[in-house]
């Protein structure tokens, strides 16, 4: 099967939300992850990668301030490899939109 570019989105995140789960049997690359604060106050946002094979979770960013009406490029330029069933999670203290760009099925 050919590589596929995908977008994953969550709108109005205010607690822990799963943004993307790598499909079983596939490896994916997280190319970009952007957060947009849709409130009129500063929010704090965190992004975690849950490695299901190791049963560990690591933060990419934790409690990063995102200005009112502003955005934060969490991943831009670097890449994060997601093995099968790894999970990308976002947490925010106020309504935050999340957009992720993913290259999926890179091991075919």
N, C-alpha and C. Protein backbone atom coordinates (compact mmCIF):
# COMPACT_ATOMS: atom_id res chain seq x y z
N UNK A 1 0.84 -1.18 0.00
CA UNK A 1 0.00 0.00 0.00
C UNK A 1 0.89 1.25 0.00
N UNK A 2 0.47 2.28 -0.64
CA UNK A 2 1.25 3.51 -0.76
C UNK A 2 1.14 4.35 0.51
N UNK A 3 2.14 5.21 0.69
CA UNK A 3 2.09 6.16 1.79
C UNK A 3 0.90 7.08 1.60
N UNK A 4 0.30 7.48 2.72
CA UNK A 4 -0.86 8.36 2.67
C UNK A 4 -0.64 9.55 3.59
N UNK A 5 -0.89 10.77 3.06
CA UNK A 5 -0.89 11.95 3.90
C UNK A 5 -2.27 12.10 4.51
N UNK A 6 -2.31 12.38 5.82
CA UNK A 6 -3.57 12.52 6.53
C UNK A 6 -3.52 13.77 7.41
N UNK A 7 -4.69 14.33 7.66
CA UNK A 7 -4.85 15.36 8.67
C UNK A 7 -5.69 14.79 9.79
N UNK A 8 -5.32 15.11 11.00
CA UNK A 8 -6.12 14.75 12.17
C UNK A 8 -6.45 16.05 12.88
N UNK A 9 -7.71 16.21 13.27
CA UNK A 9 -8.13 17.46 13.90
C UNK A 9 -9.01 17.19 15.11
N UNK A 10 -8.89 18.04 16.10
CA UNK A 10 -9.81 18.09 17.23
C UNK A 10 -10.15 19.56 17.45
N UNK A 11 -11.42 19.85 17.65
CA UNK A 11 -11.87 21.22 17.82
C UNK A 11 -12.35 21.43 19.24
N UNK A 12 -11.93 22.53 19.86
CA UNK A 12 -12.41 22.89 21.19
C UNK A 12 -11.92 22.00 22.31
N UNK A 13 -10.68 21.55 22.23
CA UNK A 13 -10.11 20.67 23.26
C UNK A 13 -10.02 21.44 24.58
N UNK A 14 -10.58 20.85 25.64
CA UNK A 14 -10.52 21.46 26.97
C UNK A 14 -10.05 20.47 28.04
N UNK A 15 -9.79 19.24 27.66
CA UNK A 15 -9.28 18.22 28.58
C UNK A 15 -8.40 17.28 27.76
N UNK A 16 -8.05 16.13 28.29
CA UNK A 16 -7.21 15.19 27.55
C UNK A 16 -8.02 14.61 26.39
N UNK A 17 -7.52 14.78 25.18
CA UNK A 17 -8.19 14.28 23.98
C UNK A 17 -7.19 13.55 23.10
N UNK A 18 -7.59 12.43 22.53
CA UNK A 18 -6.76 11.73 21.56
C UNK A 18 -6.93 12.41 20.21
N UNK A 19 -5.81 12.81 19.62
CA UNK A 19 -5.82 13.47 18.31
C UNK A 19 -5.61 12.45 17.20
N UNK A 20 -4.72 11.48 17.46
CA UNK A 20 -4.40 10.50 16.43
C UNK A 20 -3.90 9.22 17.07
N UNK A 21 -4.30 8.11 16.50
CA UNK A 21 -3.77 6.80 16.88
C UNK A 21 -3.24 6.14 15.62
N UNK A 22 -1.98 5.75 15.63
CA UNK A 22 -1.39 5.07 14.47
C UNK A 22 -2.10 3.73 14.27
N UNK A 23 -2.49 3.42 13.04
CA UNK A 23 -3.21 2.17 12.78
C UNK A 23 -2.35 0.94 13.11
N UNK A 24 -3.01 -0.14 13.49
CA UNK A 24 -2.32 -1.40 13.76
C UNK A 24 -1.57 -1.85 12.50
N UNK A 25 -0.36 -2.30 12.68
CA UNK A 25 0.42 -2.82 11.56
C UNK A 25 1.03 -1.75 10.68
N UNK A 26 0.93 -0.48 11.08
CA UNK A 26 1.48 0.61 10.26
C UNK A 26 2.36 1.52 11.10
N UNK A 27 3.33 2.10 10.46
CA UNK A 27 4.15 3.12 11.09
C UNK A 27 3.78 4.46 10.46
N UNK A 28 3.69 5.48 11.28
CA UNK A 28 3.32 6.82 10.80
C UNK A 28 4.37 7.82 11.23
N UNK A 29 4.42 8.95 10.53
CA UNK A 29 5.31 10.04 10.90
C UNK A 29 4.47 11.28 11.14
N UNK A 30 4.60 11.85 12.33
CA UNK A 30 3.94 13.09 12.68
C UNK A 30 4.80 14.23 12.13
N UNK A 31 4.29 14.91 11.10
CA UNK A 31 5.05 15.93 10.39
C UNK A 31 4.88 17.32 10.99
N UNK A 32 3.68 17.62 11.46
CA UNK A 32 3.40 18.93 12.03
C UNK A 32 2.24 18.81 13.00
N UNK A 33 2.28 19.63 14.05
CA UNK A 33 1.19 19.68 15.01
C UNK A 33 1.04 21.12 15.46
N UNK A 34 -0.14 21.69 15.21
CA UNK A 34 -0.41 23.08 15.54
C UNK A 34 -1.58 23.17 16.51
N UNK A 35 -1.48 24.11 17.44
CA UNK A 35 -2.54 24.38 18.40
C UNK A 35 -3.00 25.82 18.21
N UNK A 36 -4.30 26.07 18.24
CA UNK A 36 -4.85 27.42 18.12
C UNK A 36 -5.78 27.68 19.30
N UNK A 37 -5.47 28.71 20.06
CA UNK A 37 -6.29 29.11 21.19
C UNK A 37 -7.48 29.91 20.66
N UNK A 38 -8.68 29.40 20.86
CA UNK A 38 -9.88 30.07 20.35
C UNK A 38 -10.61 30.86 21.43
N UNK A 39 -9.93 31.08 22.56
CA UNK A 39 -10.54 31.85 23.64
C UNK A 39 -9.96 33.26 23.69
N UNK A 40 -10.48 34.05 24.61
CA UNK A 40 -9.97 35.42 24.79
C UNK A 40 -9.02 35.50 25.98
N UNK A 41 -8.57 34.34 26.46
CA UNK A 41 -7.61 34.28 27.57
C UNK A 41 -6.44 33.36 27.19
N UNK A 42 -5.33 33.53 27.90
CA UNK A 42 -4.19 32.62 27.71
C UNK A 42 -4.61 31.23 28.20
N UNK A 43 -4.24 30.19 27.45
CA UNK A 43 -4.46 28.81 27.89
C UNK A 43 -3.11 28.11 27.98
N UNK A 44 -3.08 27.04 28.74
CA UNK A 44 -1.89 26.19 28.80
C UNK A 44 -2.22 24.88 28.10
N UNK A 45 -1.31 24.45 27.24
CA UNK A 45 -1.55 23.24 26.46
C UNK A 45 -0.36 22.28 26.59
N UNK A 46 -0.69 20.99 26.53
CA UNK A 46 0.33 19.94 26.59
C UNK A 46 0.06 18.93 25.48
N UNK A 47 1.16 18.34 24.98
CA UNK A 47 1.05 17.29 23.96
C UNK A 47 1.89 16.11 24.44
N UNK A 48 1.28 14.92 24.42
CA UNK A 48 1.95 13.70 24.83
C UNK A 48 1.90 12.67 23.72
N UNK A 49 2.94 11.85 23.69
CA UNK A 49 2.97 10.67 22.82
C UNK A 49 2.95 9.45 23.74
N UNK A 50 1.93 8.60 23.55
CA UNK A 50 1.84 7.36 24.32
C UNK A 50 2.37 6.23 23.47
N UNK A 51 3.48 5.63 23.91
CA UNK A 51 4.11 4.51 23.22
C UNK A 51 3.48 3.23 23.75
N UNK A 52 2.59 2.65 22.98
CA UNK A 52 1.83 1.49 23.46
C UNK A 52 2.70 0.24 23.66
N UNK A 53 3.76 0.10 22.88
CA UNK A 53 4.62 -1.09 23.04
C UNK A 53 5.44 -1.01 24.32
N UNK A 54 5.80 0.18 24.74
CA UNK A 54 6.58 0.35 25.96
C UNK A 54 5.69 0.75 27.15
N UNK A 55 4.43 1.01 26.89
CA UNK A 55 3.46 1.49 27.89
C UNK A 55 3.98 2.70 28.67
N UNK A 56 4.60 3.62 27.92
CA UNK A 56 5.08 4.86 28.52
C UNK A 56 4.52 6.05 27.75
N UNK A 57 4.49 7.17 28.43
CA UNK A 57 4.00 8.39 27.81
C UNK A 57 5.03 9.49 28.04
N UNK A 58 5.31 10.26 26.98
CA UNK A 58 6.28 11.34 27.08
C UNK A 58 5.68 12.63 26.54
N UNK A 59 5.98 13.74 27.20
CA UNK A 59 5.52 15.04 26.74
C UNK A 59 6.42 15.57 25.63
N UNK A 60 5.81 16.16 24.62
CA UNK A 60 6.55 16.95 23.64
C UNK A 60 6.64 18.37 24.16
N UNK A 61 5.54 18.83 24.74
CA UNK A 61 5.47 20.13 25.39
C UNK A 61 4.49 19.98 26.55
N UNK A 62 4.77 20.65 27.68
CA UNK A 62 3.90 20.54 28.84
C UNK A 62 3.58 21.93 29.38
N UNK A 63 2.29 22.19 29.50
CA UNK A 63 1.78 23.45 30.05
C UNK A 63 2.35 24.67 29.34
N UNK A 64 2.46 24.60 28.03
CA UNK A 64 2.96 25.72 27.25
C UNK A 64 1.86 26.78 27.13
N UNK A 65 2.20 28.05 27.39
CA UNK A 65 1.19 29.09 27.25
C UNK A 65 0.91 29.39 25.78
N UNK A 66 -0.37 29.49 25.46
CA UNK A 66 -0.80 29.87 24.10
C UNK A 66 -1.62 31.15 24.27
N UNK A 67 -1.15 32.26 23.69
CA UNK A 67 -1.84 33.54 23.91
C UNK A 67 -3.26 33.55 23.36
N UNK A 68 -4.08 34.41 23.91
CA UNK A 68 -5.47 34.56 23.46
C UNK A 68 -5.50 34.80 21.96
N UNK A 69 -6.26 33.98 21.25
CA UNK A 69 -6.36 34.10 19.80
C UNK A 69 -5.09 33.74 19.05
N UNK A 70 -4.09 33.20 19.76
CA UNK A 70 -2.81 32.87 19.14
C UNK A 70 -2.66 31.40 18.84
N UNK A 71 -1.48 31.04 18.37
CA UNK A 71 -1.23 29.65 18.02
C UNK A 71 0.16 29.22 18.49
N UNK A 72 0.37 27.92 18.51
CA UNK A 72 1.65 27.34 18.87
C UNK A 72 1.94 26.20 17.91
N UNK A 73 3.08 26.28 17.23
CA UNK A 73 3.54 25.17 16.38
C UNK A 73 4.37 24.26 17.26
N UNK A 74 3.79 23.16 17.66
CA UNK A 74 4.48 22.22 18.54
C UNK A 74 5.51 21.42 17.76
N UNK A 75 5.14 20.97 16.58
CA UNK A 75 6.07 20.24 15.71
C UNK A 75 6.11 20.97 14.38
N UNK A 76 7.30 21.42 14.02
CA UNK A 76 7.48 22.11 12.74
C UNK A 76 8.93 21.89 12.31
N UNK A 77 9.13 21.09 11.30
CA UNK A 77 10.49 20.82 10.82
C UNK A 77 11.01 19.48 11.28
N UNK A 78 10.91 19.18 12.57
CA UNK A 78 11.33 17.86 13.04
C UNK A 78 10.21 16.87 12.79
N UNK A 79 10.47 15.61 12.96
CA UNK A 79 9.47 14.58 12.73
C UNK A 79 9.46 13.61 13.90
N UNK A 80 8.30 13.06 14.19
CA UNK A 80 8.18 12.08 15.26
C UNK A 80 7.61 10.80 14.66
N UNK A 81 8.32 9.70 14.86
CA UNK A 81 7.88 8.40 14.35
C UNK A 81 6.89 7.80 15.34
N UNK A 82 5.77 7.36 14.82
CA UNK A 82 4.74 6.69 15.62
C UNK A 82 4.63 5.26 15.14
N UNK A 83 4.92 4.33 16.03
CA UNK A 83 4.76 2.92 15.69
C UNK A 83 3.29 2.55 15.79
N UNK A 84 2.96 1.37 15.32
CA UNK A 84 1.58 0.89 15.33
C UNK A 84 0.93 1.08 16.70
N UNK A 85 -0.23 1.66 16.72
CA UNK A 85 -1.10 1.93 17.87
C UNK A 85 -0.57 2.99 18.85
N UNK A 86 0.53 3.68 18.53
CA UNK A 86 0.96 4.80 19.37
C UNK A 86 -0.09 5.91 19.27
N UNK A 87 -0.21 6.70 20.34
CA UNK A 87 -1.29 7.68 20.44
C UNK A 87 -0.73 9.08 20.70
N UNK A 88 -1.29 10.07 20.00
CA UNK A 88 -0.97 11.48 20.23
C UNK A 88 -2.15 12.08 21.01
N UNK A 89 -1.84 12.66 22.18
CA UNK A 89 -2.88 13.24 23.03
C UNK A 89 -2.57 14.71 23.30
N UNK A 90 -3.63 15.52 23.37
CA UNK A 90 -3.49 16.95 23.66
C UNK A 90 -4.39 17.28 24.85
N UNK A 91 -3.87 18.14 25.73
CA UNK A 91 -4.62 18.65 26.87
C UNK A 91 -4.55 20.17 26.83
N UNK A 92 -5.64 20.83 27.19
CA UNK A 92 -5.64 22.29 27.22
C UNK A 92 -6.55 22.78 28.34
N UNK A 93 -6.22 23.95 28.88
CA UNK A 93 -7.03 24.54 29.94
C UNK A 93 -8.17 25.40 29.40
N UNK A 94 -8.25 25.55 28.09
CA UNK A 94 -9.33 26.30 27.46
C UNK A 94 -9.48 25.85 26.02
N UNK A 95 -10.58 26.21 25.39
CA UNK A 95 -10.89 25.74 24.04
C UNK A 95 -9.73 25.96 23.08
N UNK A 96 -9.18 24.85 22.59
CA UNK A 96 -8.03 24.87 21.70
C UNK A 96 -8.30 23.94 20.53
N UNK A 97 -8.06 24.44 19.32
CA UNK A 97 -8.18 23.60 18.12
C UNK A 97 -6.82 23.00 17.80
N UNK A 98 -6.82 21.75 17.35
CA UNK A 98 -5.60 21.01 17.08
C UNK A 98 -5.64 20.50 15.65
N UNK A 99 -4.53 20.70 14.92
CA UNK A 99 -4.40 20.15 13.57
C UNK A 99 -3.06 19.45 13.48
N UNK A 100 -3.08 18.20 13.04
CA UNK A 100 -1.86 17.42 12.87
C UNK A 100 -1.76 16.94 11.43
N UNK A 101 -0.55 17.01 10.87
CA UNK A 101 -0.28 16.47 9.54
C UNK A 101 0.54 15.20 9.72
N UNK A 102 0.09 14.13 9.08
CA UNK A 102 0.68 12.80 9.31
C UNK A 102 0.94 12.11 7.99
N UNK A 103 2.08 11.43 7.90
CA UNK A 103 2.39 10.54 6.80
C UNK A 103 2.20 9.14 7.34
N UNK A 104 1.25 8.41 6.77
CA UNK A 104 0.85 7.12 7.32
C UNK A 104 1.29 5.96 6.42
N UNK A 105 1.53 4.81 7.04
CA UNK A 105 1.89 3.58 6.34
C UNK A 105 3.25 3.68 5.66
N UNK A 106 4.22 4.20 6.41
CA UNK A 106 5.55 4.41 5.83
C UNK A 106 6.39 3.14 5.77
N UNK A 107 5.90 2.03 6.31
CA UNK A 107 6.67 0.79 6.28
C UNK A 107 6.22 -0.19 5.22
N UNK A 108 5.43 0.28 4.25
CA UNK A 108 4.97 -0.64 3.22
C UNK A 108 5.99 -0.75 2.10
